[in-house]
Amino acid sequence: MSIILIVTAFFTGLVLLTVYKDCDPLAAGLIQKKDQILPFYVVERLRDFPGFAGLFVACLFSGALRQVELFTESQTSVPPMTVMGIVMIPIILLITITTILRVIMLITTPMM
């Protein structure tokens, strides 16, 4: 699966390099960052077809959300006491103790 993603990204880069070989949208001030070149290309090429730029953005978000879902599904099989769990337990205890002390201080301060 990842080889397909790498090949697709490679050929997408080649297409963008070929299209913008004579004019650089970043140098021309049409985009602010390098990672905006693909959405700029899609909007520029599909400007005559209403809705296709939005469909492209929807497909990007769908793919990104699918990757997040796959990552979270793979993390559910990890035992809870991993390195992050060992690091987070003292932090959670410290936050809990600090919160309890603040509540005690708020309760006892008006009594003084």
C-alpha atoms as a PDB file:
ATOM      1  CA  MET A   1       0.000   0.000   0.000  1.00  0.00           C
ATOM      2  CA  SER A   2       2.739   2.464   0.868  1.00  0.00           C
ATOM      3  CA  ILE A   3       4.569   1.813  -2.422  1.00  0.00           C
ATOM      4  CA  ILE A   4       1.447   2.972  -4.280  1.00  0.00           C
ATOM      5  CA  LEU A   5       1.392   6.154  -2.213  1.00  0.00           C
ATOM      6  CA  ILE A   6       5.088   6.808  -2.872  1.00  0.00           C
ATOM      7  CA  VAL A   7       4.745   6.237  -6.630  1.00  0.00           C
ATOM      8  CA  THR A   8       1.650   8.475  -6.766  1.00  0.00           C
ATOM      9  CA  ALA A   9       3.421  11.253  -4.861  1.00  0.00           C
ATOM     10  CA  PHE A  10       6.461  10.905  -7.121  1.00  0.00           C
ATOM     11  CA  PHE A  11       4.451  11.223 -10.323  1.00  0.00           C
ATOM     12  CA  THR A  12       2.376  14.063  -8.893  1.00  0.00           C
ATOM     13  CA  GLY A  13       5.614  15.914  -8.178  1.00  0.00           C
ATOM     14  CA  LEU A  14       6.827  15.260 -11.710  1.00  0.00           C
ATOM     15  CA  VAL A  15       3.597  16.632 -13.184  1.00  0.00           C
ATOM     16  CA  LEU A  16       3.805  19.759 -11.025  1.00  0.00           C
ATOM     17  CA  LEU A  17       7.460  20.238 -11.931  1.00  0.00           C
ATOM     18  CA  THR A  18       6.628  19.945 -15.623  1.00  0.00           C
ATOM     19  CA  VAL A  19       3.652  22.304 -15.440  1.00  0.00           C
ATOM     20  CA  TYR A  20       5.468  25.004 -13.449  1.00  0.00           C
ATOM     21  CA  LYS A  21       8.930  24.680 -15.026  1.00  0.00           C
ATOM     22  CA  ASP A  22       8.798  28.188 -16.515  1.00  0.00           C
ATOM     23  CA  CYS A  23       6.938  30.026 -13.757  1.00  0.00           C
ATOM     24  CA  ASP A  24       7.223  29.491 -10.030  1.00  0.00           C
ATOM     25  CA  PRO A  25       3.961  30.291  -8.184  1.00  0.00           C
ATOM     26  CA  LEU A  26       5.890  30.744  -4.933  1.00  0.00           C
ATOM     27  CA  ALA A  27       8.248  33.322  -6.449  1.00  0.00           C
ATOM     28  CA  ALA A  28       5.340  35.010  -8.231  1.00  0.00           C
ATOM     29  CA  GLY A  29       3.519  35.419  -4.917  1.00  0.00           C
ATOM     30  CA  LEU A  30       0.513  33.305  -5.913  1.00  0.00           C
ATOM     31  CA  ILE A  31       1.085  30.958  -2.965  1.00  0.00           C
ATOM     32  CA  GLN A  32       2.761  31.516   0.410  1.00  0.00           C
ATOM     33  CA  LYS A  33       4.205  28.057   1.163  1.00  0.00           C
ATOM     34  CA  LYS A  34       5.549  25.198  -0.926  1.00  0.00           C
ATOM     35  CA  ASP A  35       2.889  22.770   0.291  1.00  0.00           C
ATOM     36  CA  GLN A  36       0.154  24.907  -1.312  1.00  0.00           C
ATOM     37  CA  ILE A  37       1.255  24.097  -4.844  1.00  0.00           C
ATOM     38  CA  LEU A  38      -0.959  21.027  -5.364  1.00  0.00           C
ATOM     39  CA  PRO A  39      -4.199  22.728  -4.234  1.00  0.00           C
ATOM     40  CA  PHE A  40      -3.204  25.763  -6.334  1.00  0.00           C
ATOM     41  CA  TYR A  41      -2.722  23.500  -9.353  1.00  0.00           C
ATOM     42  CA  VAL A  42      -6.107  21.832  -8.846  1.00  0.00           C
ATOM     43  CA  VAL A  43      -7.933  25.145  -8.410  1.00  0.00           C
ATOM     44  CA  GLU A  44      -6.144  26.617 -11.435  1.00  0.00           C
ATOM     45  CA  ARG A  45      -6.882  23.645 -13.716  1.00  0.00           C
ATOM     46  CA  LEU A  46     -10.440  22.965 -12.562  1.00  0.00           C
ATOM     47  CA  ARG A  47     -11.658  26.552 -12.319  1.00  0.00           C
ATOM     48  CA  ASP A  48     -14.057  26.021 -15.245  1.00  0.00           C
ATOM     49  CA  PHE A  49     -15.774  23.057 -13.551  1.00  0.00           C
ATOM     50  CA  PRO A  50     -17.747  24.181 -10.499  1.00  0.00           C
ATOM     51  CA  GLY A  51     -17.511  21.828  -7.551  1.00  0.00           C
ATOM     52  CA  PHE A  52     -14.471  19.819  -8.622  1.00  0.00           C
ATOM     53  CA  ALA A  53     -12.034  21.782  -6.468  1.00  0.00           C
ATOM     54  CA  GLY A  54     -14.274  21.114  -3.450  1.00  0.00           C
ATOM     55  CA  LEU A  55     -14.474  17.449  -4.403  1.00  0.00           C
ATOM     56  CA  PHE A  56     -10.667  17.322  -4.489  1.00  0.00           C
ATOM     57  CA  VAL A  57     -10.424  18.867  -1.015  1.00  0.00           C
ATOM     58  CA  ALA A  58     -13.079  16.443   0.265  1.00  0.00           C
ATOM     59  CA  CYS A  59     -11.064  13.510  -1.095  1.00  0.00           C
ATOM     60  CA  LEU A  60      -7.924  14.816   0.626  1.00  0.00           C
ATOM     61  CA  PHE A  61      -9.718  15.109   3.975  1.00  0.00           C
ATOM     62  CA  SER A  62     -11.272  11.676   3.519  1.00  0.00           C
ATOM     63  CA  GLY A  63      -7.858  10.114   2.923  1.00  0.00           C
ATOM     64  CA  ALA A  64      -6.349  11.916   5.887  1.00  0.00           C
ATOM     65  CA  LEU A  65      -9.176  10.852   8.197  1.00  0.00           C
ATOM     66  CA  ARG A  66      -8.836   7.260   6.989  1.00  0.00           C
ATOM     67  CA  GLN A  67      -5.143   7.310   7.903  1.00  0.00           C
ATOM     68  CA  VAL A  68      -5.968   8.650  11.370  1.00  0.00           C
ATOM     69  CA  GLU A  69      -8.596   5.935  11.788  1.00  0.00           C
ATOM     70  CA  LEU A  70      -6.136   3.217  10.782  1.00  0.00           C
ATOM     71  CA  PHE A  71      -3.570   4.605  13.212  1.00  0.00           C
ATOM     72  CA  THR A  72      -6.029   4.672  16.118  1.00  0.00           C
ATOM     73  CA  GLU A  73      -7.217   1.149  15.311  1.00  0.00           C
ATOM     74  CA  SER A  74      -3.643  -0.094  15.349  1.00  0.00           C
ATOM     75  CA  GLN A  75      -3.035   1.605  18.700  1.00  0.00           C
ATOM     76  CA  THR A  76      -5.931  -0.177  20.419  1.00  0.00           C
ATOM     77  CA  SER A  77      -4.006  -3.435  20.326  1.00  0.00           C
ATOM     78  CA  VAL A  78      -1.052  -1.900  22.210  1.00  0.00           C
ATOM     79  CA  PRO A  79      -1.035  -2.696  25.944  1.00  0.00           C
ATOM     80  CA  PRO A  80      -1.877   0.350  28.067  1.00  0.00           C
ATOM     81  CA  MET A  81       1.393   0.314  30.037  1.00  0.00           C
ATOM     82  CA  THR A  82       3.706   1.434  27.279  1.00  0.00           C
ATOM     83  CA  VAL A  83       6.448   3.992  27.694  1.00  0.00           C
ATOM     84  CA  MET A  84       3.926   6.807  27.183  1.00  0.00           C
ATOM     85  CA  GLY A  85       1.679   5.297  29.847  1.00  0.00           C
ATOM     86  CA  ILE A  86       4.567   5.114  32.301  1.00  0.00           C
ATOM     87  CA  VAL A  87       5.433   8.754  31.596  1.00  0.00           C
ATOM     88  CA  MET A  88       1.832  10.006  31.751  1.00  0.00           C
ATOM     89  CA  ILE A  89       0.861   8.410  35.095  1.00  0.00           C
ATOM     90  CA  PRO A  90       3.044  10.733  37.247  1.00  0.00           C
ATOM     91  CA  ILE A  91       1.864  13.752  35.239  1.00  0.00           C
ATOM     92  CA  ILE A  92      -1.794  12.823  35.736  1.00  0.00           C
ATOM     93  CA  LEU A  93      -1.175  12.260  39.465  1.00  0.00           C
ATOM     94  CA  LEU A  94       0.554  15.646  39.757  1.00  0.00           C
ATOM     95  CA  ILE A  95      -2.338  17.396  38.004  1.00  0.00           C
ATOM     96  CA  THR A  96      -4.843  15.604  40.247  1.00  0.00           C
ATOM     97  CA  ILE A  97      -2.975  16.504  43.428  1.00  0.00           C
ATOM     98  CA  THR A  98      -2.606  20.113  42.283  1.00  0.00           C
ATOM     99  CA  THR A  99      -6.331  20.321  41.547  1.00  0.00           C
ATOM    100  CA  ILE A 100      -7.228  18.870  44.959  1.00  0.00           C
ATOM    101  CA  LEU A 101      -4.930  21.364  46.715  1.00  0.00           C
ATOM    102  CA  ARG A 102      -6.476  24.270  44.789  1.00  0.00           C
ATOM    103  CA  VAL A 103      -9.986  23.162  45.768  1.00  0.00           C
ATOM    104  CA  ILE A 104      -8.929  22.860  49.435  1.00  0.00           C
ATOM    105  CA  MET A 105      -7.356  26.319  49.255  1.00  0.00           C
ATOM    106  CA  LEU A 106     -10.504  27.811  47.700  1.00  0.00           C
ATOM    107  CA  ILE A 107     -12.673  26.235  50.381  1.00  0.00           C
ATOM    108  CA  THR A 108     -10.519  27.245  53.355  1.00  0.00           C
ATOM    109  CA  THR A 109      -9.466  30.751  52.235  1.00  0.00           C
ATOM    110  CA  PRO A 110     -12.835  32.495  52.876  1.00  0.00           C
ATOM    111  CA  MET A 111     -12.921  30.969  56.367  1.00  0.00           C
ATOM    112  CA  MET A 112      -9.786  32.788  57.487  1.00  0.00           C
END
